[in-house]
Amino acid sequence: MDHNEKKVYEVLEKLHIDYEKHDHPAVFTCREADIYTSGLKGVHTKNLFLRNRKGDSHYLVVMCEDKVLDVKGFGEIISEKNISFASPERMMKYLKLTPGSVSIFGIINDTEHEVTVYVDEDIMKEEFINSHPNVNTSTLVIKVSDMMMFLEESGNRYQTISLKIAQKP
């Protein structure tokens, strides 16, 4: 078992969070994941790792998989200009993860609590959430209330927000 994945299970056990684990082949997009997870209960999510222009602020956006983030609109919501996607190198530095494996559980590796987490308010309307355990070969189903407890215990700043959705061309 991957070290990053093992840490997720250790934290879930420590916090007494129940989960259902579903193994599947490696997936790198939400569309690929749907092939193996479409029948799971709960909201399917995507996780975007962003940064500001200066590179001194980093954000993990957890949102419903069927939404397209309006990055400029997100920047307006958090009062930050010039938001962009963070590089794989930054992802590794702050979350110790590679593209395709990013999940809300990545903040376990952010020991300096430098990443701010933003959760799409539509997720809060659901009972369960699906998320990778920091590897893209499994999906965990946990209660949304347990996800919020995990965030509270993480030490990272977090906020539930209404995300502006980009207009599709």
N, C-alpha and C. Protein backbone atom coordinates (compact mmCIF):
# COMPACT_ATOMS: atom_id res chain seq x y z
N MET A 1 0.85 -1.19 0.00
CA MET A 1 0.00 0.00 0.00
C MET A 1 0.89 1.24 0.00
N ASP A 2 0.54 2.20 -0.82
CA ASP A 2 1.24 3.46 -0.94
C ASP A 2 1.25 4.20 0.42
N HIS A 3 2.35 4.87 0.71
CA HIS A 3 2.50 5.61 1.98
C HIS A 3 1.41 6.67 2.15
N ASN A 4 1.12 7.42 1.08
CA ASN A 4 0.08 8.45 1.15
C ASN A 4 -1.29 7.85 1.44
N GLU A 5 -1.56 6.70 0.84
CA GLU A 5 -2.84 6.03 1.07
C GLU A 5 -2.91 5.52 2.51
N LYS A 6 -1.83 4.95 2.99
CA LYS A 6 -1.80 4.43 4.35
C LYS A 6 -2.10 5.54 5.37
N LYS A 7 -1.55 6.72 5.14
CA LYS A 7 -1.78 7.84 6.05
C LYS A 7 -3.27 8.21 6.12
N VAL A 8 -3.96 8.10 4.99
CA VAL A 8 -5.39 8.42 4.97
C VAL A 8 -6.14 7.47 5.90
N TYR A 9 -5.87 6.17 5.78
CA TYR A 9 -6.57 5.19 6.61
C TYR A 9 -6.23 5.37 8.09
N GLU A 10 -5.00 5.75 8.38
CA GLU A 10 -4.61 6.00 9.77
C GLU A 10 -5.39 7.18 10.35
N VAL A 11 -5.54 8.24 9.57
CA VAL A 11 -6.28 9.41 10.06
C VAL A 11 -7.77 9.06 10.21
N LEU A 12 -8.33 8.36 9.23
CA LEU A 12 -9.74 7.98 9.34
C LEU A 12 -9.99 7.12 10.57
N GLU A 13 -9.07 6.19 10.84
CA GLU A 13 -9.21 5.34 12.03
C GLU A 13 -9.11 6.18 13.31
N LYS A 14 -8.14 7.08 13.34
CA LYS A 14 -7.95 7.94 14.51
C LYS A 14 -9.20 8.78 14.80
N LEU A 15 -9.87 9.24 13.74
CA LEU A 15 -11.06 10.08 13.89
C LEU A 15 -12.35 9.27 13.95
N HIS A 16 -12.23 7.93 13.91
CA HIS A 16 -13.40 7.04 13.95
C HIS A 16 -14.36 7.32 12.80
N ILE A 17 -13.81 7.51 11.62
CA ILE A 17 -14.61 7.76 10.42
C ILE A 17 -14.76 6.46 9.64
N ASP A 18 -16.00 6.06 9.45
CA ASP A 18 -16.30 4.86 8.66
C ASP A 18 -16.21 5.21 7.18
N TYR A 19 -15.82 4.23 6.38
CA TYR A 19 -15.73 4.43 4.94
C TYR A 19 -15.98 3.12 4.23
N GLU A 20 -16.37 3.25 2.97
CA GLU A 20 -16.45 2.11 2.06
C GLU A 20 -15.34 2.31 1.05
N LYS A 21 -14.54 1.28 0.81
CA LYS A 21 -13.44 1.36 -0.14
C LYS A 21 -13.80 0.58 -1.40
N HIS A 22 -13.58 1.22 -2.55
CA HIS A 22 -13.84 0.58 -3.84
C HIS A 22 -12.58 0.69 -4.69
N ASP A 23 -11.94 -0.44 -4.95
CA ASP A 23 -10.73 -0.47 -5.78
C ASP A 23 -11.11 -0.50 -7.26
N HIS A 24 -10.27 0.09 -8.08
CA HIS A 24 -10.49 0.12 -9.53
C HIS A 24 -9.15 0.40 -10.22
N PRO A 25 -9.09 0.25 -11.53
CA PRO A 25 -7.85 0.60 -12.24
C PRO A 25 -7.55 2.10 -12.07
N ALA A 26 -6.32 2.48 -12.31
CA ALA A 26 -5.93 3.89 -12.21
C ALA A 26 -6.79 4.75 -13.13
N VAL A 27 -7.26 5.88 -12.60
CA VAL A 27 -8.04 6.84 -13.38
C VAL A 27 -7.42 8.22 -13.22
N PHE A 28 -7.52 9.02 -14.28
CA PHE A 28 -6.88 10.34 -14.27
C PHE A 28 -7.87 11.47 -14.51
N THR A 29 -9.11 11.13 -14.86
CA THR A 29 -10.13 12.15 -15.07
C THR A 29 -11.43 11.68 -14.42
N CYS A 30 -12.34 12.62 -14.23
CA CYS A 30 -13.65 12.26 -13.69
C CYS A 30 -14.39 11.31 -14.64
N ARG A 31 -14.24 11.53 -15.92
CA ARG A 31 -14.90 10.68 -16.91
C ARG A 31 -14.41 9.23 -16.78
N GLU A 32 -13.10 9.06 -16.61
CA GLU A 32 -12.56 7.71 -16.42
C GLU A 32 -13.05 7.11 -15.12
N ALA A 33 -13.08 7.90 -14.07
CA ALA A 33 -13.53 7.40 -12.76
C ALA A 33 -14.98 6.94 -12.82
N ASP A 34 -15.80 7.66 -13.58
CA ASP A 34 -17.22 7.31 -13.67
C ASP A 34 -17.45 5.90 -14.19
N ILE A 35 -16.53 5.42 -15.00
CA ILE A 35 -16.66 4.05 -15.53
C ILE A 35 -16.74 3.05 -14.38
N TYR A 36 -15.99 3.32 -13.32
CA TYR A 36 -15.89 2.38 -12.20
C TYR A 36 -16.68 2.79 -10.97
N THR A 37 -17.07 4.06 -10.87
CA THR A 37 -17.68 4.54 -9.63
C THR A 37 -19.08 5.11 -9.80
N SER A 38 -19.63 5.06 -10.98
CA SER A 38 -20.93 5.71 -11.22
C SER A 38 -22.05 5.14 -10.35
N GLY A 39 -21.93 3.90 -9.91
CA GLY A 39 -22.96 3.30 -9.09
C GLY A 39 -22.83 3.55 -7.60
N LEU A 40 -21.77 4.25 -7.20
CA LEU A 40 -21.57 4.49 -5.77
C LEU A 40 -22.53 5.56 -5.26
N LYS A 41 -22.96 5.41 -4.01
CA LYS A 41 -23.81 6.43 -3.41
C LYS A 41 -22.98 7.68 -3.14
N GLY A 42 -23.65 8.80 -3.11
CA GLY A 42 -22.98 10.04 -2.77
C GLY A 42 -22.56 10.86 -3.97
N VAL A 43 -22.04 12.04 -3.66
CA VAL A 43 -21.63 12.99 -4.69
C VAL A 43 -20.21 12.66 -5.16
N HIS A 44 -20.05 12.68 -6.46
CA HIS A 44 -18.74 12.47 -7.06
C HIS A 44 -18.07 13.84 -7.17
N THR A 45 -16.80 13.90 -6.84
CA THR A 45 -16.13 15.20 -6.77
C THR A 45 -14.91 15.25 -7.68
N LYS A 46 -14.49 16.49 -7.93
CA LYS A 46 -13.17 16.71 -8.52
C LYS A 46 -12.47 17.70 -7.63
N ASN A 47 -11.17 17.61 -7.63
CA ASN A 47 -10.34 18.41 -6.73
C ASN A 47 -9.32 19.17 -7.57
N LEU A 48 -9.34 20.47 -7.44
CA LEU A 48 -8.46 21.32 -8.24
C LEU A 48 -7.48 22.02 -7.32
N PHE A 49 -6.20 21.96 -7.68
CA PHE A 49 -5.15 22.61 -6.88
C PHE A 49 -4.71 23.87 -7.62
N LEU A 50 -4.95 25.01 -6.98
CA LEU A 50 -4.72 26.31 -7.59
C LEU A 50 -3.73 27.14 -6.78
N ARG A 51 -3.26 28.22 -7.41
CA ARG A 51 -2.33 29.14 -6.74
C ARG A 51 -2.61 30.55 -7.18
N ASN A 52 -2.11 31.51 -6.38
CA ASN A 52 -2.21 32.89 -6.82
C ASN A 52 -0.99 33.23 -7.68
N ARG A 53 -0.99 34.41 -8.25
CA ARG A 53 0.08 34.80 -9.18
C ARG A 53 1.45 34.82 -8.52
N LYS A 54 1.49 35.32 -7.29
CA LYS A 54 2.77 35.39 -6.56
C LYS A 54 3.29 34.01 -6.18
N GLY A 55 2.39 33.05 -6.12
CA GLY A 55 2.79 31.70 -5.72
C GLY A 55 2.95 31.53 -4.22
N ASP A 56 2.40 32.50 -3.47
CA ASP A 56 2.52 32.41 -2.01
C ASP A 56 1.22 31.98 -1.33
N SER A 57 0.19 31.70 -2.13
CA SER A 57 -1.06 31.18 -1.59
C SER A 57 -1.53 30.04 -2.49
N HIS A 58 -1.99 28.96 -1.84
CA HIS A 58 -2.43 27.76 -2.58
C HIS A 58 -3.80 27.34 -2.08
N TYR A 59 -4.60 26.81 -3.01
CA TYR A 59 -5.99 26.50 -2.72
C TYR A 59 -6.34 25.12 -3.27
N LEU A 60 -7.06 24.37 -2.48
CA LEU A 60 -7.62 23.10 -2.93
C LEU A 60 -9.12 23.29 -3.01
N VAL A 61 -9.65 23.20 -4.23
CA VAL A 61 -11.08 23.38 -4.45
C VAL A 61 -11.71 22.00 -4.64
N VAL A 62 -12.67 21.68 -3.78
CA VAL A 62 -13.39 20.41 -3.84
C VAL A 62 -14.79 20.73 -4.33
N MET A 63 -15.13 20.19 -5.50
CA MET A 63 -16.40 20.55 -6.10
C MET A 63 -17.07 19.34 -6.75
N CYS A 64 -18.35 19.48 -7.03
CA CYS A 64 -19.09 18.43 -7.71
C CYS A 64 -18.47 18.22 -9.08
N GLU A 65 -18.32 16.95 -9.46
CA GLU A 65 -17.59 16.63 -10.69
C GLU A 65 -18.23 17.17 -11.95
N ASP A 66 -19.52 17.43 -11.94
CA ASP A 66 -20.18 17.89 -13.16
C ASP A 66 -20.09 19.40 -13.36
N LYS A 67 -19.43 20.09 -12.48
CA LYS A 67 -19.27 21.53 -12.61
C LYS A 67 -17.94 21.86 -13.28
N VAL A 68 -17.92 23.03 -13.92
CA VAL A 68 -16.70 23.56 -14.51
C VAL A 68 -16.39 24.86 -13.77
N LEU A 69 -15.25 24.91 -13.13
CA LEU A 69 -14.91 26.07 -12.31
C LEU A 69 -14.61 27.29 -13.16
N ASP A 70 -15.24 28.40 -12.82
CA ASP A 70 -14.89 29.71 -13.38
C ASP A 70 -13.73 30.21 -12.52
N VAL A 71 -12.51 30.02 -13.00
CA VAL A 71 -11.32 30.33 -12.21
C VAL A 71 -11.28 31.83 -11.85
N LYS A 72 -11.60 32.68 -12.82
CA LYS A 72 -11.61 34.12 -12.55
C LYS A 72 -12.68 34.45 -11.49
N GLY A 73 -13.86 33.84 -11.64
CA GLY A 73 -14.92 34.05 -10.66
C GLY A 73 -14.53 33.56 -9.28
N PHE A 74 -13.82 32.43 -9.22
CA PHE A 74 -13.32 31.93 -7.94
C PHE A 74 -12.37 32.94 -7.32
N GLY A 75 -11.49 33.51 -8.13
CA GLY A 75 -10.57 34.53 -7.63
C GLY A 75 -11.31 35.72 -7.05
N GLU A 76 -12.40 36.11 -7.70
CA GLU A 76 -13.20 37.23 -7.19
C GLU A 76 -13.82 36.88 -5.84
N ILE A 77 -14.30 35.66 -5.71
CA ILE A 77 -14.93 35.22 -4.46
C ILE A 77 -13.94 35.30 -3.30
N ILE A 78 -12.69 34.91 -3.54
CA ILE A 78 -11.71 34.89 -2.45
C ILE A 78 -10.83 36.14 -2.44
N SER A 79 -11.23 37.14 -3.24
CA SER A 79 -10.52 38.43 -3.31
C SER A 79 -9.05 38.26 -3.69
N GLU A 80 -8.83 37.48 -4.72
CA GLU A 80 -7.47 37.22 -5.19
C GLU A 80 -7.49 37.30 -6.71
N LYS A 81 -6.57 38.07 -7.28
CA LYS A 81 -6.49 38.20 -8.73
C LYS A 81 -5.49 37.19 -9.28
N ASN A 82 -5.67 36.87 -10.55
CA ASN A 82 -4.72 36.03 -11.28
C ASN A 82 -4.52 34.64 -10.66
N ILE A 83 -5.61 33.95 -10.44
CA ILE A 83 -5.57 32.57 -9.96
C ILE A 83 -5.29 31.66 -11.16
N SER A 84 -4.48 30.65 -10.95
CA SER A 84 -4.21 29.67 -12.01
C SER A 84 -3.99 28.30 -11.38
N PHE A 85 -3.94 27.31 -12.25
CA PHE A 85 -3.68 25.96 -11.76
C PHE A 85 -2.22 25.86 -11.32
N ALA A 86 -2.00 25.18 -10.23
CA ALA A 86 -0.64 24.98 -9.73
C ALA A 86 0.05 23.88 -10.54
N SER A 87 1.35 23.97 -10.62
CA SER A 87 2.13 22.99 -11.37
C SER A 87 2.19 21.66 -10.61
N PRO A 88 2.51 20.58 -11.31
CA PRO A 88 2.71 19.30 -10.63
C PRO A 88 3.80 19.39 -9.56
N GLU A 89 4.80 20.23 -9.77
CA GLU A 89 5.88 20.39 -8.78
C GLU A 89 5.34 21.02 -7.50
N ARG A 90 4.47 22.02 -7.64
CA ARG A 90 3.85 22.63 -6.45
C ARG A 90 2.93 21.63 -5.75
N MET A 91 2.20 20.87 -6.55
CA MET A 91 1.32 19.85 -6.00
C MET A 91 2.12 18.88 -5.15
N MET A 92 3.27 18.47 -5.65
CA MET A 92 4.13 17.55 -4.91
C MET A 92 4.66 18.22 -3.65
N LYS A 93 5.08 19.47 -3.76
CA LYS A 93 5.65 20.19 -2.62
C LYS A 93 4.65 20.33 -1.47
N TYR A 94 3.41 20.72 -1.80
CA TYR A 94 2.43 21.02 -0.74
C TYR A 94 1.56 19.84 -0.34
N LEU A 95 1.19 19.00 -1.30
CA LEU A 95 0.28 17.89 -1.01
C LEU A 95 0.94 16.52 -1.10
N LYS A 96 2.17 16.48 -1.62
CA LYS A 96 2.90 15.21 -1.82
C LYS A 96 2.12 14.25 -2.73
N LEU A 97 1.42 14.84 -3.72
CA LEU A 97 0.60 14.07 -4.64
C LEU A 97 0.92 14.42 -6.08
N THR A 98 0.56 13.52 -6.98
CA THR A 98 0.73 13.74 -8.42
C THR A 98 -0.64 13.97 -9.05
N PRO A 99 -0.67 14.60 -10.23
CA PRO A 99 -1.96 14.80 -10.91
C PRO A 99 -2.70 13.47 -11.06
N GLY A 100 -4.01 13.52 -10.84
CA GLY A 100 -4.83 12.32 -10.91
C GLY A 100 -5.09 11.71 -9.55
N SER A 101 -4.26 12.06 -8.56
CA SER A 101 -4.42 11.51 -7.21
C SER A 101 -4.87 12.55 -6.19
N VAL A 102 -5.05 13.78 -6.64
CA VAL A 102 -5.41 14.86 -5.71
C VAL A 102 -6.79 14.62 -5.13
N SER A 103 -6.89 14.78 -3.83
CA SER A 103 -8.17 14.66 -3.14
C SER A 103 -8.13 15.53 -1.91
N ILE A 104 -9.27 15.63 -1.28
CA ILE A 104 -9.35 16.41 -0.04
C ILE A 104 -8.39 15.86 1.01
N PHE A 105 -8.09 14.57 0.93
CA PHE A 105 -7.18 13.96 1.89
C PHE A 105 -5.73 14.38 1.68
N GLY A 106 -5.44 15.06 0.59
CA GLY A 106 -4.08 15.54 0.34
C GLY A 106 -3.58 16.49 1.41
N ILE A 107 -4.49 17.16 2.10
CA ILE A 107 -4.04 18.12 3.12
C ILE A 107 -3.40 17.42 4.32
N ILE A 108 -3.55 16.10 4.40
CA ILE A 108 -2.83 15.36 5.44
C ILE A 108 -1.33 15.61 5.31
N ASN A 109 -0.86 15.78 4.09
CA ASN A 109 0.57 15.98 3.83
C ASN A 109 1.00 17.43 3.96
N ASP A 110 0.07 18.34 4.12
CA ASP A 110 0.38 19.77 4.26
C ASP A 110 0.61 20.08 5.74
N THR A 111 1.75 19.65 6.23
CA THR A 111 2.04 19.76 7.66
C THR A 111 2.20 21.20 8.14
N GLU A 112 2.47 22.12 7.23
CA GLU A 112 2.59 23.54 7.59
C GLU A 112 1.25 24.27 7.45
N HIS A 113 0.21 23.57 7.01
CA HIS A 113 -1.14 24.13 6.85
C HIS A 113 -1.14 25.36 5.96
N GLU A 114 -0.47 25.24 4.82
CA GLU A 114 -0.37 26.36 3.88
C GLU A 114 -1.47 26.38 2.84
N VAL A 115 -2.17 25.28 2.65
CA VAL A 115 -3.22 25.18 1.64
C VAL A 115 -4.57 25.48 2.28
N THR A 116 -5.32 26.38 1.65
CA THR A 116 -6.69 26.67 2.08
C THR A 116 -7.64 25.82 1.24
N VAL A 117 -8.59 25.19 1.91
CA VAL A 117 -9.53 24.31 1.23
C VAL A 117 -10.87 25.03 1.07
N TYR A 118 -11.40 24.96 -0.15
CA TYR A 118 -12.72 25.52 -0.44
C TYR A 118 -13.61 24.37 -0.92
N VAL A 119 -14.75 24.21 -0.24
CA VAL A 119 -15.69 23.14 -0.56
C VAL A 119 -16.94 23.74 -1.17
N ASP A 120 -17.31 23.26 -2.33
CA ASP A 120 -18.53 23.67 -3.03
C ASP A 120 -19.73 23.42 -2.12
N GLU A 121 -20.54 24.46 -1.91
CA GLU A 121 -21.68 24.32 -0.99
C GLU A 121 -22.68 23.24 -1.45
N ASP A 122 -22.70 22.92 -2.74
CA ASP A 122 -23.62 21.88 -3.21
C ASP A 122 -23.26 20.51 -2.63
N ILE A 123 -22.01 20.32 -2.28
CA ILE A 123 -21.60 19.06 -1.65
C ILE A 123 -22.29 18.90 -0.30
N MET A 124 -22.51 20.01 0.37
CA MET A 124 -23.11 19.97 1.70
C MET A 124 -24.56 19.51 1.68
N LYS A 125 -25.17 19.49 0.52
CA LYS A 125 -26.56 19.04 0.38
C LYS A 125 -26.66 17.52 0.30
N GLU A 126 -25.53 16.86 0.20
CA GLU A 126 -25.48 15.40 0.04
C GLU A 126 -25.16 14.73 1.38
N GLU A 127 -25.47 13.44 1.48
CA GLU A 127 -25.14 12.69 2.70
C GLU A 127 -23.74 12.09 2.61
N PHE A 128 -23.35 11.67 1.39
CA PHE A 128 -22.06 11.01 1.20
C PHE A 128 -21.25 11.70 0.12
N ILE A 129 -19.92 11.55 0.22
CA ILE A 129 -18.99 12.09 -0.75
C ILE A 129 -18.03 10.98 -1.15
N ASN A 130 -17.62 11.00 -2.41
CA ASN A 130 -16.65 10.05 -2.93
C ASN A 130 -15.33 10.77 -3.14
N SER A 131 -14.24 10.15 -2.72
CA SER A 131 -12.93 10.78 -2.86
C SER A 131 -11.84 9.71 -2.92
N HIS A 132 -10.80 10.02 -3.67
CA HIS A 132 -9.63 9.12 -3.68
C HIS A 132 -8.91 9.18 -2.33
N PRO A 133 -8.36 8.08 -1.88
CA PRO A 133 -7.52 8.10 -0.66
C PRO A 133 -6.06 8.42 -1.02
N ASN A 134 -5.87 9.51 -1.77
CA ASN A 134 -4.55 9.99 -2.21
C ASN A 134 -3.86 9.05 -3.19
N VAL A 135 -4.61 8.13 -3.76
CA VAL A 135 -4.15 7.32 -4.88
C VAL A 135 -5.35 7.20 -5.83
N ASN A 136 -5.06 7.08 -7.12
CA ASN A 136 -6.16 7.06 -8.08
C ASN A 136 -6.60 5.64 -8.47
N THR A 137 -6.33 4.70 -7.59
CA THR A 137 -6.74 3.31 -7.83
C THR A 137 -7.81 2.85 -6.84
N SER A 138 -8.34 3.76 -6.06
CA SER A 138 -9.41 3.47 -5.11
C SER A 138 -10.28 4.71 -4.94
N THR A 139 -11.50 4.47 -4.55
CA THR A 139 -12.41 5.55 -4.19
C THR A 139 -13.03 5.21 -2.85
N LEU A 140 -13.07 6.18 -1.95
CA LEU A 140 -13.70 6.01 -0.64
C LEU A 140 -15.03 6.74 -0.62
N VAL A 141 -16.00 6.15 0.02
CA VAL A 141 -17.28 6.79 0.27
C VAL A 141 -17.34 7.06 1.77
N ILE A 142 -17.48 8.34 2.11
CA ILE A 142 -17.62 8.72 3.52
C ILE A 142 -18.78 9.70 3.66
N LYS A 143 -19.26 9.88 4.87
CA LYS A 143 -20.31 10.86 5.11
C LYS A 143 -19.74 12.26 4.95
N VAL A 144 -20.54 13.15 4.40
CA VAL A 144 -20.13 14.55 4.26
C VAL A 144 -19.83 15.14 5.63
N SER A 145 -20.62 14.78 6.63
CA SER A 145 -20.38 15.29 7.99
C SER A 145 -19.02 14.82 8.51
N ASP A 146 -18.60 13.61 8.14
CA ASP A 146 -17.28 13.12 8.54
C ASP A 146 -16.18 13.86 7.78
N MET A 147 -16.44 14.20 6.51
CA MET A 147 -15.47 14.98 5.76
C MET A 147 -15.25 16.33 6.44
N MET A 148 -16.32 16.93 6.92
CA MET A 148 -16.20 18.23 7.58
C MET A 148 -15.45 18.08 8.91
N MET A 149 -15.67 16.98 9.61
CA MET A 149 -14.92 16.73 10.84
C MET A 149 -13.43 16.57 10.50
N PHE A 150 -13.12 15.85 9.42
CA PHE A 150 -11.75 15.69 8.97
C PHE A 150 -11.12 17.06 8.69
N LEU A 151 -11.84 17.92 8.00
CA LEU A 151 -11.32 19.27 7.71
C LEU A 151 -11.06 20.04 9.00
N GLU A 152 -11.98 19.95 9.93
CA GLU A 152 -11.83 20.66 11.21
C GLU A 152 -10.57 20.19 11.94
N GLU A 153 -10.33 18.90 11.91
CA GLU A 153 -9.19 18.33 12.62
C GLU A 153 -7.87 18.54 11.87
N SER A 154 -7.93 18.87 10.59
CA SER A 154 -6.72 18.97 9.77
C SER A 154 -5.80 20.12 10.18
N GLY A 155 -6.37 21.19 10.67
CA GLY A 155 -5.57 22.37 10.98
C GLY A 155 -5.47 23.34 9.82
N ASN A 156 -5.94 22.95 8.65
CA ASN A 156 -5.94 23.84 7.49
C ASN A 156 -7.16 24.76 7.55
N ARG A 157 -6.99 25.95 6.98
CA ARG A 157 -8.13 26.84 6.84
C ARG A 157 -9.04 26.23 5.78
N TYR A 158 -10.36 26.35 6.00
CA TYR A 158 -11.31 25.86 5.02
C TYR A 158 -12.56 26.70 5.06
N GLN A 159 -13.30 26.63 3.96
CA GLN A 159 -14.53 27.41 3.86
C GLN A 159 -15.45 26.72 2.86
N THR A 160 -16.74 26.76 3.13
CA THR A 160 -17.74 26.31 2.18
C THR A 160 -18.18 27.53 1.40
N ILE A 161 -18.16 27.42 0.06
CA ILE A 161 -18.51 28.58 -0.77
C ILE A 161 -19.42 28.16 -1.91
N SER A 162 -20.12 29.16 -2.44
CA SER A 162 -20.93 28.96 -3.65
C SER A 162 -20.04 29.28 -4.83
N LEU A 163 -19.72 28.26 -5.60
CA LEU A 163 -18.80 28.44 -6.71
C LEU A 163 -19.52 28.92 -7.96
N LYS A 164 -18.92 29.92 -8.61
CA LYS A 164 -19.42 30.38 -9.91
C LYS A 164 -19.01 29.34 -10.93
N ILE A 165 -19.91 29.04 -11.80
CA ILE A 165 -19.65 28.00 -12.79
C ILE A 165 -19.34 28.66 -14.13
N ALA A 166 -18.30 28.19 -14.78
CA ALA A 166 -17.92 28.74 -16.08
C ALA A 166 -18.99 28.40 -17.10
N GLN A 167 -19.20 29.31 -18.01
CA GLN A 167 -20.12 29.07 -19.11
C GLN A 167 -19.45 28.16 -20.13
N LYS A 168 -20.15 27.13 -20.54
CA LYS A 168 -19.60 26.23 -21.55
C LYS A 168 -19.72 26.89 -22.91
N PRO A 169 -18.69 26.75 -23.77
CA PRO A 169 -18.72 27.40 -25.08
C PRO A 169 -19.81 26.85 -25.98
